[in-house]
């Protein structure tokens, strides 16, 4: 799935759209997407100018956006809803993400109950896990 189709599922736009492409998706199960991290990202102007590192909260946001693509692609009837980040558990950041990295987002849907999805998330660079978390995301009407 390329960026134009991703934009059909997410309300985010530059500079806050953090999913560039979906490489693989199994509806109602899992998604593998990625974000190309470039030096032109606006957050690098302040985080940190002499040692640019992608903020961990933006990696979490990228996870949540990939979760949104999975949920909305799996269920077309949710077009009039948004997915909100409702909880983050067991977040771990194992190595910095820097300009030039391809941040691969592996997301598994664990369950959905009463409109709240539970997801297992891993971010990889060059095949190594750089971050992980368990997310809760809640569907709400627009």
C-alpha atoms as a PDB file:
ATOM      1  CA  UNK A   1       0.000   0.000   0.000  1.00  0.00           C
ATOM      2  CA  UNK A   2       1.467   3.319  -1.036  1.00  0.00           C
ATOM      3  CA  UNK A   3       1.096   6.711   0.633  1.00  0.00           C
ATOM      4  CA  UNK A   4      -2.007   7.825  -1.297  1.00  0.00           C
ATOM      5  CA  UNK A   5      -3.962   4.789  -0.114  1.00  0.00           C
ATOM      6  CA  UNK A   6      -2.611   5.171   3.443  1.00  0.00           C
ATOM      7  CA  UNK A   7      -4.009   8.714   3.434  1.00  0.00           C
ATOM      8  CA  UNK A   8      -7.458   7.229   2.753  1.00  0.00           C
ATOM      9  CA  UNK A   9      -7.298   5.496   6.141  1.00  0.00           C
ATOM     10  CA  UNK A  10      -5.516   8.094   8.313  1.00  0.00           C
ATOM     11  CA  UNK A  11      -6.442  11.738   8.922  1.00  0.00           C
ATOM     12  CA  UNK A  12      -2.785  12.670   9.547  1.00  0.00           C
ATOM     13  CA  UNK A  13      -0.869  14.837   7.076  1.00  0.00           C
ATOM     14  CA  UNK A  14       2.628  16.298   6.846  1.00  0.00           C
ATOM     15  CA  UNK A  15       4.484  16.730   9.104  1.00  0.00           C
ATOM     16  CA  UNK A  16       2.643  14.225  11.274  1.00  0.00           C
ATOM     17  CA  UNK A  17       1.956  11.352   8.888  1.00  0.00           C
ATOM     18  CA  UNK A  18       4.510   8.788  10.083  1.00  0.00           C
ATOM     19  CA  UNK A  19       3.707   5.784   7.873  1.00  0.00           C
ATOM     20  CA  UNK A  20       5.241   5.930   4.392  1.00  0.00           C
ATOM     21  CA  UNK A  21       4.294   2.519   3.054  1.00  0.00           C
ATOM     22  CA  UNK A  22       2.638  -0.763   4.016  1.00  0.00           C
ATOM     23  CA  UNK A  23       4.702  -3.757   2.931  1.00  0.00           C
ATOM     24  CA  UNK A  24       2.423  -6.506   4.207  1.00  0.00           C
ATOM     25  CA  UNK A  25      -0.971  -6.743   5.835  1.00  0.00           C
ATOM     26  CA  UNK A  26      -3.192  -9.594   6.951  1.00  0.00           C
ATOM     27  CA  UNK A  27      -6.579  -8.088   7.732  1.00  0.00           C
ATOM     28  CA  UNK A  28      -7.647  -8.369  11.369  1.00  0.00           C
ATOM     29  CA  UNK A  29      -4.224  -9.861  12.242  1.00  0.00           C
ATOM     30  CA  UNK A  30      -1.042  -7.912  11.515  1.00  0.00           C
ATOM     31  CA  UNK A  31       0.648  -5.222   9.487  1.00  0.00           C
ATOM     32  CA  UNK A  32       4.215  -4.437   8.476  1.00  0.00           C
ATOM     33  CA  UNK A  33       4.740  -0.812   7.507  1.00  0.00           C
ATOM     34  CA  UNK A  34       7.667   1.556   7.455  1.00  0.00           C
ATOM     35  CA  UNK A  35       8.757   5.133   7.905  1.00  0.00           C
ATOM     36  CA  UNK A  36      11.806   6.434   6.076  1.00  0.00           C
ATOM     37  CA  UNK A  37      13.571   8.662   8.586  1.00  0.00           C
ATOM     38  CA  UNK A  38      15.270  11.599   6.855  1.00  0.00           C
ATOM     39  CA  UNK A  39      17.306  14.545   8.075  1.00  0.00           C
ATOM     40  CA  UNK A  40      14.540  16.809   6.707  1.00  0.00           C
ATOM     41  CA  UNK A  41      12.120  15.786   9.482  1.00  0.00           C
ATOM     42  CA  UNK A  42      11.109  18.983  11.319  1.00  0.00           C
ATOM     43  CA  UNK A  43      11.680  17.458  14.777  1.00  0.00           C
ATOM     44  CA  UNK A  44      15.403  17.060  14.102  1.00  0.00           C
ATOM     45  CA  UNK A  45      15.835  20.847  14.270  1.00  0.00           C
ATOM     46  CA  UNK A  46      15.413  20.605  18.027  1.00  0.00           C
ATOM     47  CA  UNK A  47      15.966  16.907  18.880  1.00  0.00           C
ATOM     48  CA  UNK A  48      18.937  17.210  18.791  1.00  0.00           C
ATOM     49  CA  UNK A  49      20.600  19.586  16.294  1.00  0.00           C
ATOM     50  CA  UNK A  50      24.122  18.163  16.748  1.00  0.00           C
ATOM     51  CA  UNK A  51      23.028  14.553  17.345  1.00  0.00           C
ATOM     52  CA  UNK A  52      19.672  13.979  15.580  1.00  0.00           C
ATOM     53  CA  UNK A  53      17.568  11.237  17.211  1.00  0.00           C
ATOM     54  CA  UNK A  54      13.926  10.436  16.460  1.00  0.00           C
ATOM     55  CA  UNK A  55      11.898  11.070  19.641  1.00  0.00           C
ATOM     56  CA  UNK A  56      10.531   7.929  21.272  1.00  0.00           C
ATOM     57  CA  UNK A  57       7.048   9.435  21.466  1.00  0.00           C
ATOM     58  CA  UNK A  58       7.026   9.708  17.676  1.00  0.00           C
ATOM     59  CA  UNK A  59       7.942   6.036  17.360  1.00  0.00           C
ATOM     60  CA  UNK A  60       4.918   5.309  19.579  1.00  0.00           C
ATOM     61  CA  UNK A  61       2.811   7.578  17.350  1.00  0.00           C
ATOM     62  CA  UNK A  62       4.051   5.695  14.266  1.00  0.00           C
ATOM     63  CA  UNK A  63       2.942   2.460  15.972  1.00  0.00           C
ATOM     64  CA  UNK A  64      -0.515   3.942  16.600  1.00  0.00           C
ATOM     65  CA  UNK A  65      -0.854   5.123  13.007  1.00  0.00           C
ATOM     66  CA  UNK A  66       0.057   1.672  11.680  1.00  0.00           C
ATOM     67  CA  UNK A  67      -2.570   0.232  14.056  1.00  0.00           C
ATOM     68  CA  UNK A  68      -5.078   2.644  12.535  1.00  0.00           C
ATOM     69  CA  UNK A  69      -4.316   1.512   8.996  1.00  0.00           C
ATOM     70  CA  UNK A  70      -4.778  -2.119  10.043  1.00  0.00           C
ATOM     71  CA  UNK A  71      -8.092  -1.468  11.824  1.00  0.00           C
ATOM     72  CA  UNK A  72      -9.593   0.741   9.119  1.00  0.00           C
ATOM     73  CA  UNK A  73      -8.438  -1.455   6.216  1.00  0.00           C
ATOM     74  CA  UNK A  74      -9.873  -4.498   7.998  1.00  0.00           C
ATOM     75  CA  UNK A  75     -13.289  -2.914   8.523  1.00  0.00           C
ATOM     76  CA  UNK A  76     -14.545  -0.474   5.913  1.00  0.00           C
ATOM     77  CA  UNK A  77     -17.636   0.262   8.033  1.00  0.00           C
ATOM     78  CA  UNK A  78     -15.533   2.405  10.396  1.00  0.00           C
ATOM     79  CA  UNK A  79     -15.059   5.240   7.876  1.00  0.00           C
ATOM     80  CA  UNK A  80     -16.804   7.680  10.220  1.00  0.00           C
ATOM     81  CA  UNK A  81     -14.535   6.869  13.148  1.00  0.00           C
ATOM     82  CA  UNK A  82     -11.096   7.834  14.378  1.00  0.00           C
ATOM     83  CA  UNK A  83      -8.659   5.683  16.288  1.00  0.00           C
ATOM     84  CA  UNK A  84      -7.186   7.261  19.404  1.00  0.00           C
ATOM     85  CA  UNK A  85      -4.214   6.104  21.425  1.00  0.00           C
ATOM     86  CA  UNK A  86      -5.693   4.966  24.741  1.00  0.00           C
ATOM     87  CA  UNK A  87      -2.736   3.365  26.488  1.00  0.00           C
ATOM     88  CA  UNK A  88       0.926   2.451  26.219  1.00  0.00           C
ATOM     89  CA  UNK A  89       2.434  -0.360  28.251  1.00  0.00           C
ATOM     90  CA  UNK A  90       5.896  -1.879  28.401  1.00  0.00           C
ATOM     91  CA  UNK A  91       7.448   0.711  26.066  1.00  0.00           C
ATOM     92  CA  UNK A  92      11.143   0.037  25.552  1.00  0.00           C
ATOM     93  CA  UNK A  93      13.676   1.921  23.450  1.00  0.00           C
ATOM     94  CA  UNK A  94      16.776  -0.140  22.774  1.00  0.00           C
ATOM     95  CA  UNK A  95      18.735   1.977  20.323  1.00  0.00           C
ATOM     96  CA  UNK A  96      18.426   5.440  18.757  1.00  0.00           C
ATOM     97  CA  UNK A  97      16.647   5.926  15.440  1.00  0.00           C
ATOM     98  CA  UNK A  98      18.601   8.400  13.311  1.00  0.00           C
ATOM     99  CA  UNK A  99      18.385  10.011   9.871  1.00  0.00           C
ATOM    100  CA  UNK A 100      18.872   7.475   7.113  1.00  0.00           C
ATOM    101  CA  UNK A 101      17.152   4.653   9.021  1.00  0.00           C
ATOM    102  CA  UNK A 102      14.222   2.725   7.610  1.00  0.00           C
ATOM    103  CA  UNK A 103      11.982   2.283  10.650  1.00  0.00           C
ATOM    104  CA  UNK A 104      10.020  -0.943  10.111  1.00  0.00           C
ATOM    105  CA  UNK A 105       6.826  -1.201  12.150  1.00  0.00           C
ATOM    106  CA  UNK A 106       5.600  -4.722  12.943  1.00  0.00           C
ATOM    107  CA  UNK A 107       2.168  -4.664  14.553  1.00  0.00           C
ATOM    108  CA  UNK A 108       0.059  -7.613  15.713  1.00  0.00           C
ATOM    109  CA  UNK A 109      -3.579  -7.216  16.692  1.00  0.00           C
ATOM    110  CA  UNK A 110      -4.062  -9.230  19.866  1.00  0.00           C
ATOM    111  CA  UNK A 111      -7.779  -8.574  20.421  1.00  0.00           C
ATOM    112  CA  UNK A 112     -10.596  -6.073  20.103  1.00  0.00           C
ATOM    113  CA  UNK A 113     -13.169  -5.712  22.837  1.00  0.00           C
ATOM    114  CA  UNK A 114     -15.844  -2.995  23.025  1.00  0.00           C
ATOM    115  CA  UNK A 115     -14.108  -0.877  20.398  1.00  0.00           C
ATOM    116  CA  UNK A 116     -10.679  -1.027  22.059  1.00  0.00           C
ATOM    117  CA  UNK A 117      -7.898  -2.852  20.268  1.00  0.00           C
ATOM    118  CA  UNK A 118      -4.847  -4.298  21.968  1.00  0.00           C
ATOM    119  CA  UNK A 119      -1.680  -4.422  19.857  1.00  0.00           C
ATOM    120  CA  UNK A 120       1.819  -5.820  20.193  1.00  0.00           C
ATOM    121  CA  UNK A 121       4.279  -3.486  18.436  1.00  0.00           C
ATOM    122  CA  UNK A 122       7.932  -3.724  17.437  1.00  0.00           C
ATOM    123  CA  UNK A 123      10.085  -1.267  15.516  1.00  0.00           C
ATOM    124  CA  UNK A 124      13.136  -2.538  13.683  1.00  0.00           C
ATOM    125  CA  UNK A 125      16.089  -0.968  11.906  1.00  0.00           C
ATOM    126  CA  UNK A 126      18.286  -3.237   9.806  1.00  0.00           C
ATOM    127  CA  UNK A 127      16.521  -6.258  11.293  1.00  0.00           C
ATOM    128  CA  UNK A 128      17.250  -5.280  14.915  1.00  0.00           C
ATOM    129  CA  UNK A 129      14.496  -4.371  17.375  1.00  0.00           C
ATOM    130  CA  UNK A 130      14.966  -0.717  18.348  1.00  0.00           C
ATOM    131  CA  UNK A 131      11.673  -0.191  20.197  1.00  0.00           C
ATOM    132  CA  UNK A 132       8.670  -2.142  21.395  1.00  0.00           C
ATOM    133  CA  UNK A 133       5.404  -1.488  23.198  1.00  0.00           C
ATOM    134  CA  UNK A 134       1.917  -2.771  23.849  1.00  0.00           C
ATOM    135  CA  UNK A 135      -0.723  -0.279  22.715  1.00  0.00           C
ATOM    136  CA  UNK A 136      -4.397   0.180  23.392  1.00  0.00           C
ATOM    137  CA  UNK A 137      -6.284   2.107  20.712  1.00  0.00           C
ATOM    138  CA  UNK A 138      -9.930   3.108  20.945  1.00  0.00           C
ATOM    139  CA  UNK A 139     -12.358   3.797  18.108  1.00  0.00           C
ATOM    140  CA  UNK A 140     -14.466   6.936  18.488  1.00  0.00           C
ATOM    141  CA  UNK A 141     -16.945   8.628  16.136  1.00  0.00           C
ATOM    142  CA  UNK A 142     -15.589  11.624  14.207  1.00  0.00           C
END
